Amino acid sequence: MSNQSIEIPIDLPDVQVLSAKKTEQGEWLIELESKLRGTKCRQCGQEVTQFQGYGTSLRVRHLPLFEVPVWIEWRPKRYRCGHCEGKPTTTQFVSWHEPRSPNTKPYERWLLKLL
């Protein structure tokens, strides 16, 4: 019998899936990369597009798949502002994750429905 697979959308906008694998604990780990280019400067609020590298890798909980926990991992892009003095860097924000939250927004909405 051959392996059979299905495709399931993760419903997170503006991302590219780099890999999906099962962890030793039997959970899913999905590596993503943002397809967005640029972000708003944290100081002046202007759009910045000068890519500076990647921030620290983040791992957050996402919606379970067939009752199996799913984790999303990505490295947020960082951009340098050419408008501000000192040319500060700013980390790109994504619409599906609230900064400092251990979960994706869809997972948080799902948890609230369970309550």
PDB file of N, CA and C in Angstrom:
ATOM      1  N   MET A   1       0.848  -1.181   0.000  1.00  0.00           N
ATOM      2  CA  MET A   1       0.000   0.000   0.000  1.00  0.00           C
ATOM      3  C   MET A   1       0.896   1.248   0.000  1.00  0.00           C
ATOM      4  N   SER A   2       0.604   2.187  -0.862  1.00  0.00           N
ATOM      5  CA  SER A   2       1.413   3.401  -0.962  1.00  0.00           C
ATOM      6  C   SER A   2       0.930   4.453   0.036  1.00  0.00           C
ATOM      7  N   ASN A   3       1.831   5.412   0.327  1.00  0.00           N
ATOM      8  CA  ASN A   3       1.445   6.534   1.193  1.00  0.00           C
ATOM      9  C   ASN A   3       0.416   7.383   0.486  1.00  0.00           C
ATOM     10  N   GLN A   4      -0.584   7.777   1.215  1.00  0.00           N
ATOM     11  CA  GLN A   4      -1.595   8.669   0.668  1.00  0.00           C
ATOM     12  C   GLN A   4      -1.537   9.969   1.441  1.00  0.00           C
ATOM     13  N   SER A   5      -1.772  11.061   0.758  1.00  0.00           N
ATOM     14  CA  SER A   5      -1.725  12.351   1.433  1.00  0.00           C
ATOM     15  C   SER A   5      -2.854  13.233   0.930  1.00  0.00           C
ATOM     16  N   ILE A   6      -3.135  14.243   1.723  1.00  0.00           N
ATOM     17  CA  ILE A   6      -4.116  15.246   1.348  1.00  0.00           C
ATOM     18  C   ILE A   6      -3.500  16.608   1.608  1.00  0.00           C
ATOM     19  N   GLU A   7      -3.984  17.623   0.927  1.00  0.00           N
ATOM     20  CA  GLU A   7      -3.543  18.989   1.177  1.00  0.00           C
ATOM     21  C   GLU A   7      -4.611  19.694   1.993  1.00  0.00           C
ATOM     22  N   ILE A   8      -4.157  20.358   3.040  1.00  0.00           N
ATOM     23  CA  ILE A   8      -5.072  21.093   3.911  1.00  0.00           C
ATOM     24  C   ILE A   8      -4.559  22.517   4.030  1.00  0.00           C
ATOM     25  N   PRO A   9      -5.380  23.513   3.696  1.00  0.00           N
ATOM     26  CA  PRO A   9      -4.920  24.904   3.808  1.00  0.00           C
ATOM     27  C   PRO A   9      -4.737  25.294   5.274  1.00  0.00           C
ATOM     28  N   ILE A  10      -3.699  26.088   5.555  1.00  0.00           N
ATOM     29  CA  ILE A  10      -3.492  26.556   6.924  1.00  0.00           C
ATOM     30  C   ILE A  10      -4.179  27.897   7.162  1.00  0.00           C
ATOM     31  N   ASP A  11      -4.690  28.503   6.094  1.00  0.00           N
ATOM     32  CA  ASP A  11      -5.463  29.749   6.175  1.00  0.00           C
ATOM     33  C   ASP A  11      -4.737  30.881   6.894  1.00  0.00           C
ATOM     34  N   LEU A  12      -3.465  31.036   6.619  1.00  0.00           N
ATOM     35  CA  LEU A  12      -2.691  32.173   7.109  1.00  0.00           C
ATOM     36  C   LEU A  12      -2.268  32.968   5.883  1.00  0.00           C
ATOM     37  N   PRO A  13      -2.672  34.235   5.786  1.00  0.00           N
ATOM     38  CA  PRO A  13      -2.385  35.012   4.581  1.00  0.00           C
ATOM     39  C   PRO A  13      -0.911  35.397   4.454  1.00  0.00           C
ATOM     40  N   ASP A  14      -0.485  35.541   3.214  1.00  0.00           N
ATOM     41  CA  ASP A  14       0.837  36.078   2.874  1.00  0.00           C
ATOM     42  C   ASP A  14       2.001  35.270   3.429  1.00  0.00           C
ATOM     43  N   VAL A  15       1.883  33.942   3.404  1.00  0.00           N
ATOM     44  CA  VAL A  15       2.976  33.087   3.850  1.00  0.00           C
ATOM     45  C   VAL A  15       3.281  32.029   2.800  1.00  0.00           C
ATOM     46  N   GLN A  16       4.486  31.522   2.866  1.00  0.00           N
ATOM     47  CA  GLN A  16       4.902  30.401   2.036  1.00  0.00           C
ATOM     48  C   GLN A  16       5.337  29.287   2.985  1.00  0.00           C
ATOM     49  N   VAL A  17       4.824  28.085   2.784  1.00  0.00           N
ATOM     50  CA  VAL A  17       5.202  26.952   3.618  1.00  0.00           C
ATOM     51  C   VAL A  17       6.555  26.438   3.134  1.00  0.00           C
ATOM     52  N   LEU A  18       7.523  26.382   4.043  1.00  0.00           N
ATOM     53  CA  LEU A  18       8.858  25.888   3.712  1.00  0.00           C
ATOM     54  C   LEU A  18       8.974  24.394   3.979  1.00  0.00           C
ATOM     55  N   SER A  19       8.346  23.934   5.068  1.00  0.00           N
ATOM     56  CA  SER A  19       8.365  22.504   5.381  1.00  0.00           C
ATOM     57  C   SER A  19       7.251  22.182   6.362  1.00  0.00           C
ATOM     58  N   ALA A  20       6.881  20.926   6.384  1.00  0.00           N
ATOM     59  CA  ALA A  20       5.903  20.416   7.348  1.00  0.00           C
ATOM     60  C   ALA A  20       6.368  19.024   7.750  1.00  0.00           C
ATOM     61  N   LYS A  21       6.515  18.824   9.053  1.00  0.00           N
ATOM     62  CA  LYS A  21       7.010  17.527   9.519  1.00  0.00           C
ATOM     63  C   LYS A  21       6.427  17.197  10.882  1.00  0.00           C
ATOM     64  N   LYS A  22       6.451  15.918  11.210  1.00  0.00           N
ATOM     65  CA  LYS A  22       6.008  15.460  12.525  1.00  0.00           C
ATOM     66  C   LYS A  22       7.190  15.510  13.474  1.00  0.00           C
ATOM     67  N   THR A  23       6.942  15.973  14.697  1.00  0.00           N
ATOM     68  CA  THR A  23       7.991  16.012  15.707  1.00  0.00           C
ATOM     69  C   THR A  23       8.079  14.644  16.392  1.00  0.00           C
ATOM     70  N   GLU A  24       9.075  14.474  17.244  1.00  0.00           N
ATOM     71  CA  GLU A  24       9.214  13.233  18.003  1.00  0.00           C
ATOM     72  C   GLU A  24       8.021  13.003  18.924  1.00  0.00           C
ATOM     73  N   GLN A  25       7.354  14.095  19.325  1.00  0.00           N
ATOM     74  CA  GLN A  25       6.177  13.987  20.186  1.00  0.00           C
ATOM     75  C   GLN A  25       4.903  13.693  19.388  1.00  0.00           C
ATOM     76  N   GLY A  26       5.012  13.589  18.066  1.00  0.00           N
ATOM     77  CA  GLY A  26       3.850  13.298  17.227  1.00  0.00           C
ATOM     78  C   GLY A  26       3.049  14.516  16.840  1.00  0.00           C
ATOM     79  N   GLU A  27       3.573  15.715  17.091  1.00  0.00           N
ATOM     80  CA  GLU A  27       2.883  16.954  16.732  1.00  0.00           C
ATOM     81  C   GLU A  27       3.388  17.443  15.377  1.00  0.00           C
ATOM     82  N   TRP A  28       2.595  18.292  14.737  1.00  0.00           N
ATOM     83  CA  TRP A  28       3.007  18.869  13.458  1.00  0.00           C
ATOM     84  C   TRP A  28       3.773  20.156  13.685  1.00  0.00           C
ATOM     85  N   LEU A  29       4.868  20.321  12.942  1.00  0.00           N
ATOM     86  CA  LEU A  29       5.645  21.546  12.954  1.00  0.00           C
ATOM     87  C   LEU A  29       5.714  22.048  11.521  1.00  0.00           C
ATOM     88  N   ILE A  30       5.165  23.242  11.297  1.00  0.00           N
ATOM     89  CA  ILE A  30       5.127  23.829   9.959  1.00  0.00           C
ATOM     90  C   ILE A  30       6.014  25.057   9.948  1.00  0.00           C
ATOM     91  N   GLU A  31       7.019  25.050   9.078  1.00  0.00           N
ATOM     92  CA  GLU A  31       7.908  26.206   8.931  1.00  0.00           C
ATOM     93  C   GLU A  31       7.381  27.106   7.827  1.00  0.00           C
ATOM     94  N   LEU A  32       7.290  28.394   8.125  1.00  0.00           N
ATOM     95  CA  LEU A  32       6.755  29.374   7.184  1.00  0.00           C
ATOM     96  C   LEU A  32       7.754  30.487   6.931  1.00  0.00           C
ATOM     97  N   GLU A  33       7.471  31.228   5.856  1.00  0.00           N
ATOM     98  CA  GLU A  33       8.181  32.469   5.590  1.00  0.00           C
ATOM     99  C   GLU A  33       7.158  33.481   5.104  1.00  0.00           C
ATOM    100  N   SER A  34       7.265  34.697   5.577  1.00  0.00           N
ATOM    101  CA  SER A  34       6.359  35.759   5.148  1.00  0.00           C
ATOM    102  C   SER A  34       6.658  36.132   3.700  1.00  0.00           C
ATOM    103  N   LYS A  35       5.611  36.301   2.921  1.00  0.00           N
ATOM    104  CA  LYS A  35       5.773  36.761   1.532  1.00  0.00           C
ATOM    105  C   LYS A  35       5.645  38.274   1.430  1.00  0.00           C
ATOM    106  N   LEU A  36       5.349  38.944   2.554  1.00  0.00           N
ATOM    107  CA  LEU A  36       5.222  40.396   2.550  1.00  0.00           C
ATOM    108  C   LEU A  36       6.590  41.038   2.404  1.00  0.00           C
ATOM    109  N   ARG A  37       6.630  42.173   1.737  1.00  0.00           N
ATOM    110  CA  ARG A  37       7.867  42.927   1.589  1.00  0.00           C
ATOM    111  C   ARG A  37       7.685  44.272   2.271  1.00  0.00           C
ATOM    112  N   GLY A  38       8.503  44.515   3.279  1.00  0.00           N
ATOM    113  CA  GLY A  38       8.442  45.782   3.982  1.00  0.00           C
ATOM    114  C   GLY A  38       7.563  45.741   5.211  1.00  0.00           C
ATOM    115  N   THR A  39       7.619  46.868   5.944  1.00  0.00           N
ATOM    116  CA  THR A  39       6.815  47.053   7.150  1.00  0.00           C
ATOM    117  C   THR A  39       6.808  48.536   7.479  1.00  0.00           C
ATOM    118  N   LYS A  40       6.064  48.932   8.483  1.00  0.00           N
ATOM    119  CA  LYS A  40       6.055  50.330   8.924  1.00  0.00           C
ATOM    120  C   LYS A  40       7.114  50.511   9.998  1.00  0.00           C
ATOM    121  N   CYS A  41       7.876  51.591   9.905  1.00  0.00           N
ATOM    122  CA  CYS A  41       8.912  51.905  10.884  1.00  0.00           C
ATOM    123  C   CYS A  41       8.286  52.092  12.259  1.00  0.00           C
ATOM    124  N   ARG A  42       8.895  51.530  13.275  1.00  0.00           N
ATOM    125  CA  ARG A  42       8.367  51.620  14.642  1.00  0.00           C
ATOM    126  C   ARG A  42       8.495  53.028  15.216  1.00  0.00           C
ATOM    127  N   GLN A  43       9.350  53.872  14.608  1.00  0.00           N
ATOM    128  CA  GLN A  43       9.527  55.233  15.127  1.00  0.00           C
ATOM    129  C   GLN A  43       8.712  56.260  14.345  1.00  0.00           C
ATOM    130  N   CYS A  44       8.883  56.272  13.022  1.00  0.00           N
ATOM    131  CA  CYS A  44       8.227  57.319  12.233  1.00  0.00           C
ATOM    132  C   CYS A  44       6.948  56.859  11.543  1.00  0.00           C
ATOM    133  N   GLY A  45       6.726  55.554  11.466  1.00  0.00           N
ATOM    134  CA  GLY A  45       5.505  55.033  10.864  1.00  0.00           C
ATOM    135  C   GLY A  45       5.519  54.952   9.349  1.00  0.00           C
ATOM    136  N   GLN A  46       6.626  55.373   8.717  1.00  0.00           N
ATOM    137  CA  GLN A  46       6.705  55.294   7.259  1.00  0.00           C
ATOM    138  C   GLN A  46       7.007  53.865   6.819  1.00  0.00           C
ATOM    139  N   GLU A  47       6.595  53.545   5.597  1.00  0.00           N
ATOM    140  CA  GLU A  47       6.865  52.224   5.033  1.00  0.00           C
ATOM    141  C   GLU A  47       8.360  52.099   4.758  1.00  0.00           C
ATOM    142  N   VAL A  48       8.958  50.993   5.223  1.00  0.00           N
ATOM    143  CA  VAL A  48      10.378  50.736   4.989  1.00  0.00           C
ATOM    144  C   VAL A  48      10.529  49.404   4.261  1.00  0.00           C
ATOM    145  N   THR A  49      11.452  49.364   3.303  1.00  0.00           N
ATOM    146  CA  THR A  49      11.630  48.154   2.499  1.00  0.00           C
ATOM    147  C   THR A  49      13.081  47.688   2.418  1.00  0.00           C
ATOM    148  N   GLN A  50      13.985  48.340   3.141  1.00  0.00           N
ATOM    149  CA  GLN A  50      15.389  47.939   3.110  1.00  0.00           C
ATOM    150  C   GLN A  50      15.575  46.736   4.037  1.00  0.00           C
ATOM    151  N   PHE A  51      15.635  45.548   3.444  1.00  0.00           N
ATOM    152  CA  PHE A  51      15.730  44.299   4.200  1.00  0.00           C
ATOM    153  C   PHE A  51      17.030  44.270   4.997  1.00  0.00           C
ATOM    154  N   GLN A  52      16.929  43.919   6.288  1.00  0.00           N
ATOM    155  CA  GLN A  52      18.090  43.916   7.175  1.00  0.00           C
ATOM    156  C   GLN A  52      18.434  42.523   7.669  1.00  0.00           C
ATOM    157  N   GLY A  53      17.580  41.548   7.448  1.00  0.00           N
ATOM    158  CA  GLY A  53      17.831  40.189   7.934  1.00  0.00           C
ATOM    159  C   GLY A  53      16.606  39.636   8.638  1.00  0.00           C
ATOM    160  N   TYR A  54      16.845  38.652   9.476  1.00  0.00           N
ATOM    161  CA  TYR A  54      15.743  37.984  10.165  1.00  0.00           C
ATOM    162  C   TYR A  54      15.878  38.120  11.675  1.00  0.00           C
ATOM    163  N   GLY A  55      14.739  38.160  12.349  1.00  0.00           N
ATOM    164  CA  GLY A  55      14.713  38.184  13.803  1.00  0.00           C
ATOM    165  C   GLY A  55      14.843  36.775  14.352  1.00  0.00           C
ATOM    166  N   THR A  56      14.674  36.657  15.650  1.00  0.00           N
ATOM    167  CA  THR A  56      14.724  35.373  16.332  1.00  0.00           C
ATOM    168  C   THR A  56      13.560  34.498  15.896  1.00  0.00           C
ATOM    169  N   SER A  57      13.820  33.221  15.727  1.00  0.00           N
ATOM    170  CA  SER A  57      12.791  32.263  15.335  1.00  0.00           C
ATOM    171  C   SER A  57      11.678  32.214  16.376  1.00  0.00           C
ATOM    172  N   LEU A  58      10.440  32.232  15.899  1.00  0.00           N
ATOM    173  CA  LEU A  58       9.263  32.170  16.769  1.00  0.00           C
ATOM    174  C   LEU A  58       8.501  30.872  16.505  1.00  0.00           C
ATOM    175  N   ARG A  59       7.982  30.280  17.565  1.00  0.00           N
ATOM    176  CA  ARG A  59       7.144  29.077  17.431  1.00  0.00           C
ATOM    177  C   ARG A  59       5.856  29.338  18.195  1.00  0.00           C
ATOM    178  N   VAL A  60       4.720  29.245  17.492  1.00  0.00           N
ATOM    179  CA  VAL A  60       3.422  29.512  18.105  1.00  0.00           C
ATOM    180  C   VAL A  60       2.452  28.385  17.783  1.00  0.00           C
ATOM    181  N   ARG A  61       1.455  28.243  18.629  1.00  0.00           N
ATOM    182  CA  ARG A  61       0.445  27.191  18.473  1.00  0.00           C
ATOM    183  C   ARG A  61      -0.578  27.626  17.437  1.00  0.00           C
ATOM    184  N   HIS A  62      -0.976  26.660  16.582  1.00  0.00           N
ATOM    185  CA  HIS A  62      -1.991  26.907  15.556  1.00  0.00           C
ATOM    186  C   HIS A  62      -3.109  25.882  15.729  1.00  0.00           C
ATOM    187  N   LEU A  63      -4.102  25.969  14.889  1.00  0.00           N
ATOM    188  CA  LEU A  63      -5.254  25.066  14.959  1.00  0.00           C
ATOM    189  C   LEU A  63      -4.817  23.606  14.843  1.00  0.00           C
ATOM    190  N   PRO A  64      -5.406  22.718  15.650  1.00  0.00           N
ATOM    191  CA  PRO A  64      -5.036  21.300  15.566  1.00  0.00           C
ATOM    192  C   PRO A  64      -5.507  20.693  14.244  1.00  0.00           C
ATOM    193  N   LEU A  65      -4.833  19.649  13.853  1.00  0.00           N
ATOM    194  CA  LEU A  65      -5.158  18.932  12.618  1.00  0.00           C
ATOM    195  C   LEU A  65      -5.519  17.500  12.993  1.00  0.00           C
ATOM    196  N   PHE A  66      -6.784  17.136  12.864  1.00  0.00           N
ATOM    197  CA  PHE A  66      -7.270  15.820  13.278  1.00  0.00           C
ATOM    198  C   PHE A  66      -6.886  15.532  14.733  1.00  0.00           C
ATOM    199  N   GLU A  67      -7.090  16.527  15.597  1.00  0.00           N
ATOM    200  CA  GLU A  67      -6.812  16.476  17.029  1.00  0.00           C
ATOM    201  C   GLU A  67      -5.326  16.354  17.358  1.00  0.00           C
ATOM    202  N   VAL A  68      -4.463  16.604  16.388  1.00  0.00           N
ATOM    203  CA  VAL A  68      -3.012  16.592  16.609  1.00  0.00           C
ATOM    204  C   VAL A  68      -2.556  18.049  16.705  1.00  0.00           C
ATOM    205  N   PRO A  69      -1.819  18.418  17.762  1.00  0.00           N
ATOM    206  CA  PRO A  69      -1.339  19.791  17.889  1.00  0.00           C
ATOM    207  C   PRO A  69      -0.479  20.215  16.689  1.00  0.00           C
ATOM    208  N   VAL A  70      -0.638  21.481  16.303  1.00  0.00           N
ATOM    209  CA  VAL A  70       0.122  22.057  15.192  1.00  0.00           C
ATOM    210  C   VAL A  70       0.868  23.283  15.698  1.00  0.00           C
ATOM    211  N   TRP A  71       2.138  23.371  15.345  1.00  0.00           N
ATOM    212  CA  TRP A  71       2.979  24.507  15.704  1.00  0.00           C
ATOM    213  C   TRP A  71       3.460  25.177  14.432  1.00  0.00           C
ATOM    214  N   ILE A  72       3.461  26.503  14.443  1.00  0.00           N
ATOM    215  CA  ILE A  72       3.954  27.310  13.322  1.00  0.00           C
ATOM    216  C   ILE A  72       5.276  27.930  13.759  1.00  0.00           C
ATOM    217  N   GLU A  73       6.278  27.811  12.907  1.00  0.00           N
ATOM    218  CA  GLU A  73       7.579  28.403  13.211  1.00  0.00           C
ATOM    219  C   GLU A  73       8.009  29.286  12.055  1.00  0.00           C
ATOM    220  N   TRP A  74       8.493  30.492  12.375  1.00  0.00           N
ATOM    221  CA  TRP A  74       9.000  31.397  11.344  1.00  0.00           C
ATOM    222  C   TRP A  74       9.971  32.376  11.953  1.00  0.00           C
ATOM    223  N   ARG A  75      10.766  32.971  11.093  1.00  0.00           N
ATOM    224  CA  ARG A  75      11.701  34.015  11.511  1.00  0.00           C
ATOM    225  C   ARG A  75      11.211  35.321  10.906  1.00  0.00           C
ATOM    226  N   PRO A  76      10.724  36.247  11.753  1.00  0.00           N
ATOM    227  CA  PRO A  76      10.213  37.519  11.237  1.00  0.00           C
ATOM    228  C   PRO A  76      11.306  38.303  10.510  1.00  0.00           C
ATOM    229  N   LYS A  77      10.918  38.923   9.418  1.00  0.00           N
ATOM    230  CA  LYS A  77      11.850  39.759   8.659  1.00  0.00           C
ATOM    231  C   LYS A  77      12.069  41.077   9.398  1.00  0.00           C
ATOM    232  N   ARG A  78      13.267  41.642   9.231  1.00  0.00           N
ATOM    233  CA  ARG A  78      13.592  42.930   9.838  1.00  0.00           C
ATOM    234  C   ARG A  78      13.991  43.893   8.722  1.00  0.00           C
ATOM    235  N   TYR A  79      13.591  45.158   8.907  1.00  0.00           N
ATOM    236  CA  TYR A  79      13.852  46.184   7.898  1.00  0.00           C
ATOM    237  C   TYR A  79      14.475  47.408   8.559  1.00  0.00           C
ATOM    238  N   ARG A  80      15.334  48.103   7.819  1.00  0.00           N
ATOM    239  CA  ARG A  80      16.018  49.306   8.305  1.00  0.00           C
ATOM    240  C   ARG A  80      15.324  50.537   7.729  1.00  0.00           C
ATOM    241  N   CYS A  81      15.117  51.536   8.601  1.00  0.00           N
ATOM    242  CA  CYS A  81      14.490  52.788   8.182  1.00  0.00           C
ATOM    243  C   CYS A  81      15.561  53.781   7.751  1.00  0.00           C
ATOM    244  N   GLY A  82      15.434  54.302   6.549  1.00  0.00           N
ATOM    245  CA  GLY A  82      16.351  55.310   6.050  1.00  0.00           C
ATOM    246  C   GLY A  82      15.881  56.719   6.346  1.00  0.00           C
ATOM    247  N   HIS A  83      14.692  56.864   6.922  1.00  0.00           N
ATOM    248  CA  HIS A  83      14.119  58.172   7.209  1.00  0.00           C
ATOM    249  C   HIS A  83      14.492  58.685   8.597  1.00  0.00           C
ATOM    250  N   CYS A  84      14.676  57.777   9.561  1.00  0.00           N
ATOM    251  CA  CYS A  84      14.929  58.159  10.951  1.00  0.00           C
ATOM    252  C   CYS A  84      16.424  58.291  11.237  1.00  0.00           C
ATOM    253  N   GLU A  85      16.737  59.152  12.203  1.00  0.00           N
ATOM    254  CA  GLU A  85      18.113  59.309  12.653  1.00  0.00           C
ATOM    255  C   GLU A  85      18.567  58.002  13.314  1.00  0.00           C
ATOM    256  N   GLY A  86      19.754  57.558  12.988  1.00  0.00           N
ATOM    257  CA  GLY A  86      20.274  56.312  13.537  1.00  0.00           C
ATOM    258  C   GLY A  86      19.856  55.086  12.740  1.00  0.00           C
ATOM    259  N   LYS A  87      18.962  55.269  11.775  1.00  0.00           N
ATOM    260  CA  LYS A  87      18.482  54.191  10.900  1.00  0.00           C
ATOM    261  C   LYS A  87      18.108  52.921  11.695  1.00  0.00           C
ATOM    262  N   PRO A  88      17.077  53.013  12.548  1.00  0.00           N
ATOM    263  CA  PRO A  88      16.687  51.864  13.374  1.00  0.00           C
ATOM    264  C   PRO A  88      16.083  50.741  12.539  1.00  0.00           C
ATOM    265  N   THR A  89      16.117  49.552  13.105  1.00  0.00           N
ATOM    266  CA  THR A  89      15.472  48.419  12.443  1.00  0.00           C
ATOM    267  C   THR A  89      14.122  48.154  13.093  1.00  0.00           C
ATOM    268  N   THR A  90      13.224  47.589  12.302  1.00  0.00           N
ATOM    269  CA  THR A  90      11.877  47.263  12.766  1.00  0.00           C
ATOM    270  C   THR A  90      11.535  45.851  12.323  1.00  0.00           C
ATOM    271  N   THR A  91      10.945  45.084  13.215  1.00  0.00           N
ATOM    272  CA  THR A  91      10.512  43.727  12.899  1.00  0.00           C
ATOM    273  C   THR A  91       9.150  43.778  12.213  1.00  0.00           C
ATOM    274  N   GLN A  92       9.004  43.003  11.167  1.00  0.00           N
ATOM    275  CA  GLN A  92       7.751  42.942  10.417  1.00  0.00           C
ATOM    276  C   GLN A  92       6.682  42.220  11.246  1.00  0.00           C
ATOM    277  N   PHE A  93       5.488  42.770  11.253  1.00  0.00           N
ATOM    278  CA  PHE A  93       4.356  42.131  11.907  1.00  0.00           C
ATOM    279  C   PHE A  93       3.510  41.418  10.862  1.00  0.00           C
ATOM    280  N   VAL A  94       2.880  40.310  11.262  1.00  0.00           N
ATOM    281  CA  VAL A  94       1.984  39.571  10.371  1.00  0.00           C
ATOM    282  C   VAL A  94       0.566  39.658  10.933  1.00  0.00           C
ATOM    283  N   SER A  95      -0.421  39.649  10.066  1.00  0.00           N
ATOM    284  CA  SER A  95      -1.811  39.858  10.486  1.00  0.00           C
ATOM    285  C   SER A  95      -2.374  38.711  11.320  1.00  0.00           C
ATOM    286  N   TRP A  96      -1.793  37.536  11.210  1.00  0.00           N
ATOM    287  CA  TRP A  96      -2.337  36.354  11.877  1.00  0.00           C
ATOM    288  C   TRP A  96      -1.705  36.061  13.239  1.00  0.00           C
ATOM    289  N   HIS A  97      -0.840  36.965  13.720  1.00  0.00           N
ATOM    290  CA  HIS A  97      -0.203  36.756  15.020  1.00  0.00           C
ATOM    291  C   HIS A  97      -0.077  38.071  15.768  1.00  0.00           C
ATOM    292  N   GLU A  98      -0.488  38.056  17.027  1.00  0.00           N
ATOM    293  CA  GLU A  98      -0.349  39.218  17.911  1.00  0.00           C
ATOM    294  C   GLU A  98       1.027  39.144  18.567  1.00  0.00           C
ATOM    295  N   PRO A  99       1.812  40.230  18.511  1.00  0.00           N
ATOM    296  CA  PRO A  99       3.143  40.190  19.126  1.00  0.00           C
ATOM    297  C   PRO A  99       3.104  39.686  20.575  1.00  0.00           C
ATOM    298  N   ARG A 100       4.056  38.862  20.924  1.00  0.00           N
ATOM    299  CA  ARG A 100       4.240  38.273  22.249  1.00  0.00           C
ATOM    300  C   ARG A 100       3.209  37.195  22.607  1.00  0.00           C
ATOM    301  N   SER A 101       2.312  36.868  21.714  1.00  0.00           N
ATOM    302  CA  SER A 101       1.335  35.812  21.984  1.00  0.00           C
ATOM    303  C   SER A 101       1.940  34.447  21.650  1.00  0.00           C
ATOM    304  N   PRO A 102       1.625  33.420  22.444  1.00  0.00           N
ATOM    305  CA  PRO A 102       2.123  32.081  22.144  1.00  0.00           C
ATOM    306  C   PRO A 102       1.272  31.343  21.115  1.00  0.00           C
ATOM    307  N   ASN A 103       0.236  32.014  20.579  1.00  0.00           N
ATOM    308  CA  ASN A 103      -0.715  31.385  19.663  1.00  0.00           C
ATOM    309  C   ASN A 103      -0.953  32.231  18.423  1.00  0.00           C
ATOM    310  N   THR A 104      -1.464  31.581  17.372  1.00  0.00           N
ATOM    311  CA  THR A 104      -1.939  32.334  16.217  1.00  0.00           C
ATOM    312  C   THR A 104      -3.325  32.887  16.557  1.00  0.00           C
ATOM    313  N   LYS A 105      -3.754  33.916  15.845  1.00  0.00           N
ATOM    314  CA  LYS A 105      -5.090  34.488  16.074  1.00  0.00           C
ATOM    315  C   LYS A 105      -6.195  33.467  15.779  1.00  0.00           C
ATOM    316  N   PRO A 106      -6.094  32.661  14.693  1.00  0.00           N
ATOM    317  CA  PRO A 106      -7.135  31.650  14.471  1.00  0.00           C
ATOM    318  C   PRO A 106      -7.233  30.647  15.622  1.00  0.00           C
ATOM    319  N   TYR A 107      -6.113  30.263  16.213  1.00  0.00           N
ATOM    320  CA  TYR A 107      -6.133  29.330  17.340  1.00  0.00           C
ATOM    321  C   TYR A 107      -6.808  29.966  18.554  1.00  0.00           C
ATOM    322  N   GLU A 108      -6.524  31.238  18.818  1.00  0.00           N
ATOM    323  CA  GLU A 108      -7.159  31.931  19.940  1.00  0.00           C
ATOM    324  C   GLU A 108      -8.667  32.031  19.754  1.00  0.00           C
ATOM    325  N   ARG A 109      -9.113  32.327  18.512  1.00  0.00           N
ATOM    326  CA  ARG A 109     -10.572  32.380  18.242  1.00  0.00           C
ATOM    327  C   ARG A 109     -11.204  31.008  18.458  1.00  0.00           C
ATOM    328  N   TRP A 110     -10.528  29.949  18.040  1.00  0.00           N
ATOM    329  CA  TRP A 110     -11.019  28.597  18.201  1.00  0.00           C
ATOM    330  C   TRP A 110     -11.148  28.244  19.679  1.00  0.00           C
ATOM    331  N   LEU A 111     -10.136  28.626  20.492  1.00  0.00           N
ATOM    332  CA  LEU A 111     -10.197  28.368  21.938  1.00  0.00           C
ATOM    333  C   LEU A 111     -11.377  29.084  22.572  1.00  0.00           C
ATOM    334  N   LEU A 112     -11.636  30.319  22.158  1.00  0.00           N
ATOM    335  CA  LEU A 112     -12.774  31.054  22.721  1.00  0.00           C
ATOM    336  C   LEU A 112     -14.108  30.378  22.399  1.00  0.00           C
ATOM    337  N   LYS A 113     -14.211  29.794  21.216  1.00  0.00           N
ATOM    338  CA  LYS A 113     -15.439  29.075  20.866  1.00  0.00           C
ATOM    339  C   LYS A 113     -15.641  27.854  21.753  1.00  0.00           C
ATOM    340  N   LEU A 114     -14.548  27.228  22.176  1.00  0.00           N
ATOM    341  CA  LEU A 114     -14.654  26.042  23.039  1.00  0.00           C
ATOM    342  C   LEU A 114     -15.142  26.395  24.431  1.00  0.00           C
ATOM    343  N   LEU A 115     -14.906  27.654  24.845  1.00  0.00           N
ATOM    344  CA  LEU A 115     -15.366  28.071  26.173  1.00  0.00           C
ATOM    345  C   LEU A 115     -16.854  28.318  26.169  1.00  0.00           C
TER     346      LEU A 115
END
